């Protein structure tokens, strides 16, 4: 999906750069996201935060899904 229409930056572009360890400011400088009208800044920042190592939301969602399905990672003694 195109996040930044002004500079034609997709969510995949942002994700790829965030997974490479770049901050939002670095990505903004590299790709030009949120440098024109600014309407995409919130969405772009959300994508970067979701990909950040310090915010492992994907891991938490997977764990929650596993526990909801009845699967438990903990052994009962």
C-alpha atoms as a PDB file:
ATOM      1  CA  UNK A   1       0.000   0.000   0.000  1.00  0.00           C
ATOM      2  CA  UNK A   2       1.223   3.508  -0.743  1.00  0.00           C
ATOM      3  CA  UNK A   3       1.676   5.414   2.521  1.00  0.00           C
ATOM      4  CA  UNK A   4       3.213   8.625   1.172  1.00  0.00           C
ATOM      5  CA  UNK A   5       1.410   9.675  -1.988  1.00  0.00           C
ATOM      6  CA  UNK A   6       3.610  12.755  -2.498  1.00  0.00           C
ATOM      7  CA  UNK A   7       6.820  10.695  -2.744  1.00  0.00           C
ATOM      8  CA  UNK A   8       5.263   7.318  -3.654  1.00  0.00           C
ATOM      9  CA  UNK A   9       6.607   5.484  -0.595  1.00  0.00           C
ATOM     10  CA  UNK A  10       4.982   2.168   0.260  1.00  0.00           C
ATOM     11  CA  UNK A  11       4.545   0.401   3.574  1.00  0.00           C
ATOM     12  CA  UNK A  12       6.965  -2.248   2.285  1.00  0.00           C
ATOM     13  CA  UNK A  13       9.644   0.390   1.683  1.00  0.00           C
ATOM     14  CA  UNK A  14       9.227   1.719   5.215  1.00  0.00           C
ATOM     15  CA  UNK A  15       9.167  -1.784   6.708  1.00  0.00           C
ATOM     16  CA  UNK A  16      12.313  -2.833   4.866  1.00  0.00           C
ATOM     17  CA  UNK A  17      14.232   0.208   6.111  1.00  0.00           C
ATOM     18  CA  UNK A  18      12.902  -0.156   9.677  1.00  0.00           C
ATOM     19  CA  UNK A  19      13.937  -3.828   9.779  1.00  0.00           C
ATOM     20  CA  UNK A  20      17.400  -2.684   8.680  1.00  0.00           C
ATOM     21  CA  UNK A  21      17.575  -0.690  11.925  1.00  0.00           C
ATOM     22  CA  UNK A  22      16.775   2.778  10.615  1.00  0.00           C
ATOM     23  CA  UNK A  23      14.830   5.240  12.778  1.00  0.00           C
ATOM     24  CA  UNK A  24      11.885   7.249  11.492  1.00  0.00           C
ATOM     25  CA  UNK A  25      14.155  10.274  11.016  1.00  0.00           C
ATOM     26  CA  UNK A  26      16.617   8.186   8.984  1.00  0.00           C
ATOM     27  CA  UNK A  27      13.810   6.764   6.849  1.00  0.00           C
ATOM     28  CA  UNK A  28      12.351  10.223   6.357  1.00  0.00           C
ATOM     29  CA  UNK A  29      15.713  11.489   5.110  1.00  0.00           C
ATOM     30  CA  UNK A  30      16.306   8.438   2.896  1.00  0.00           C
ATOM     31  CA  UNK A  31      12.840   8.040   1.349  1.00  0.00           C
ATOM     32  CA  UNK A  32      11.324  11.500   1.745  1.00  0.00           C
ATOM     33  CA  UNK A  33       8.291  10.143   3.589  1.00  0.00           C
ATOM     34  CA  UNK A  34       6.286  12.878   5.392  1.00  0.00           C
ATOM     35  CA  UNK A  35       8.366  15.704   3.917  1.00  0.00           C
ATOM     36  CA  UNK A  36       5.710  17.347   1.721  1.00  0.00           C
ATOM     37  CA  UNK A  37       2.126  17.575   2.972  1.00  0.00           C
ATOM     38  CA  UNK A  38       2.744  15.508   6.138  1.00  0.00           C
ATOM     39  CA  UNK A  39      -0.570  13.633   5.967  1.00  0.00           C
ATOM     40  CA  UNK A  40       1.234  10.271   6.048  1.00  0.00           C
ATOM     41  CA  UNK A  41       3.457  10.935   9.063  1.00  0.00           C
ATOM     42  CA  UNK A  42       1.262   9.188  11.633  1.00  0.00           C
ATOM     43  CA  UNK A  43       0.873   6.067   9.518  1.00  0.00           C
ATOM     44  CA  UNK A  44       4.579   5.991   8.650  1.00  0.00           C
ATOM     45  CA  UNK A  45       5.573   6.361  12.313  1.00  0.00           C
ATOM     46  CA  UNK A  46       3.175   3.555  13.282  1.00  0.00           C
ATOM     47  CA  UNK A  47       4.803   1.247  10.724  1.00  0.00           C
ATOM     48  CA  UNK A  48       8.296   2.081  11.998  1.00  0.00           C
ATOM     49  CA  UNK A  49       7.193   1.504  15.613  1.00  0.00           C
ATOM     50  CA  UNK A  50       5.658  -1.864  14.738  1.00  0.00           C
ATOM     51  CA  UNK A  51       8.917  -2.947  13.114  1.00  0.00           C
ATOM     52  CA  UNK A  52      11.119  -1.687  15.935  1.00  0.00           C
ATOM     53  CA  UNK A  53      13.032  -4.244  17.979  1.00  0.00           C
ATOM     54  CA  UNK A  54      12.067  -2.411  21.165  1.00  0.00           C
ATOM     55  CA  UNK A  55       8.347  -2.837  20.341  1.00  0.00           C
ATOM     56  CA  UNK A  56       7.922  -6.531  19.453  1.00  0.00           C
ATOM     57  CA  UNK A  57       4.179  -6.307  18.845  1.00  0.00           C
ATOM     58  CA  UNK A  58       4.203  -9.126  16.314  1.00  0.00           C
ATOM     59  CA  UNK A  59       5.694 -11.526  18.866  1.00  0.00           C
ATOM     60  CA  UNK A  60       3.078 -10.543  21.439  1.00  0.00           C
ATOM     61  CA  UNK A  61       0.267 -11.030  18.957  1.00  0.00           C
ATOM     62  CA  UNK A  62       1.570 -14.472  18.013  1.00  0.00           C
ATOM     63  CA  UNK A  63       1.857 -15.507  21.661  1.00  0.00           C
ATOM     64  CA  UNK A  64      -1.653 -14.255  22.355  1.00  0.00           C
ATOM     65  CA  UNK A  65      -3.012 -16.206  19.402  1.00  0.00           C
ATOM     66  CA  UNK A  66      -1.249 -19.368  20.531  1.00  0.00           C
ATOM     67  CA  UNK A  67      -2.647 -19.062  24.056  1.00  0.00           C
ATOM     68  CA  UNK A  68      -6.138 -18.323  22.738  1.00  0.00           C
ATOM     69  CA  UNK A  69      -6.052 -21.536  20.715  1.00  0.00           C
ATOM     70  CA  UNK A  70      -5.424 -23.573  23.870  1.00  0.00           C
ATOM     71  CA  UNK A  71      -1.728 -24.096  23.250  1.00  0.00           C
ATOM     72  CA  UNK A  72       0.407 -23.393  26.299  1.00  0.00           C
ATOM     73  CA  UNK A  73       4.201 -23.077  26.225  1.00  0.00           C
ATOM     74  CA  UNK A  74       4.563 -23.768  29.942  1.00  0.00           C
ATOM     75  CA  UNK A  75       5.027 -27.253  31.293  1.00  0.00           C
ATOM     76  CA  UNK A  76       3.016 -28.229  34.341  1.00  0.00           C
ATOM     77  CA  UNK A  77       5.105 -29.837  37.062  1.00  0.00           C
END
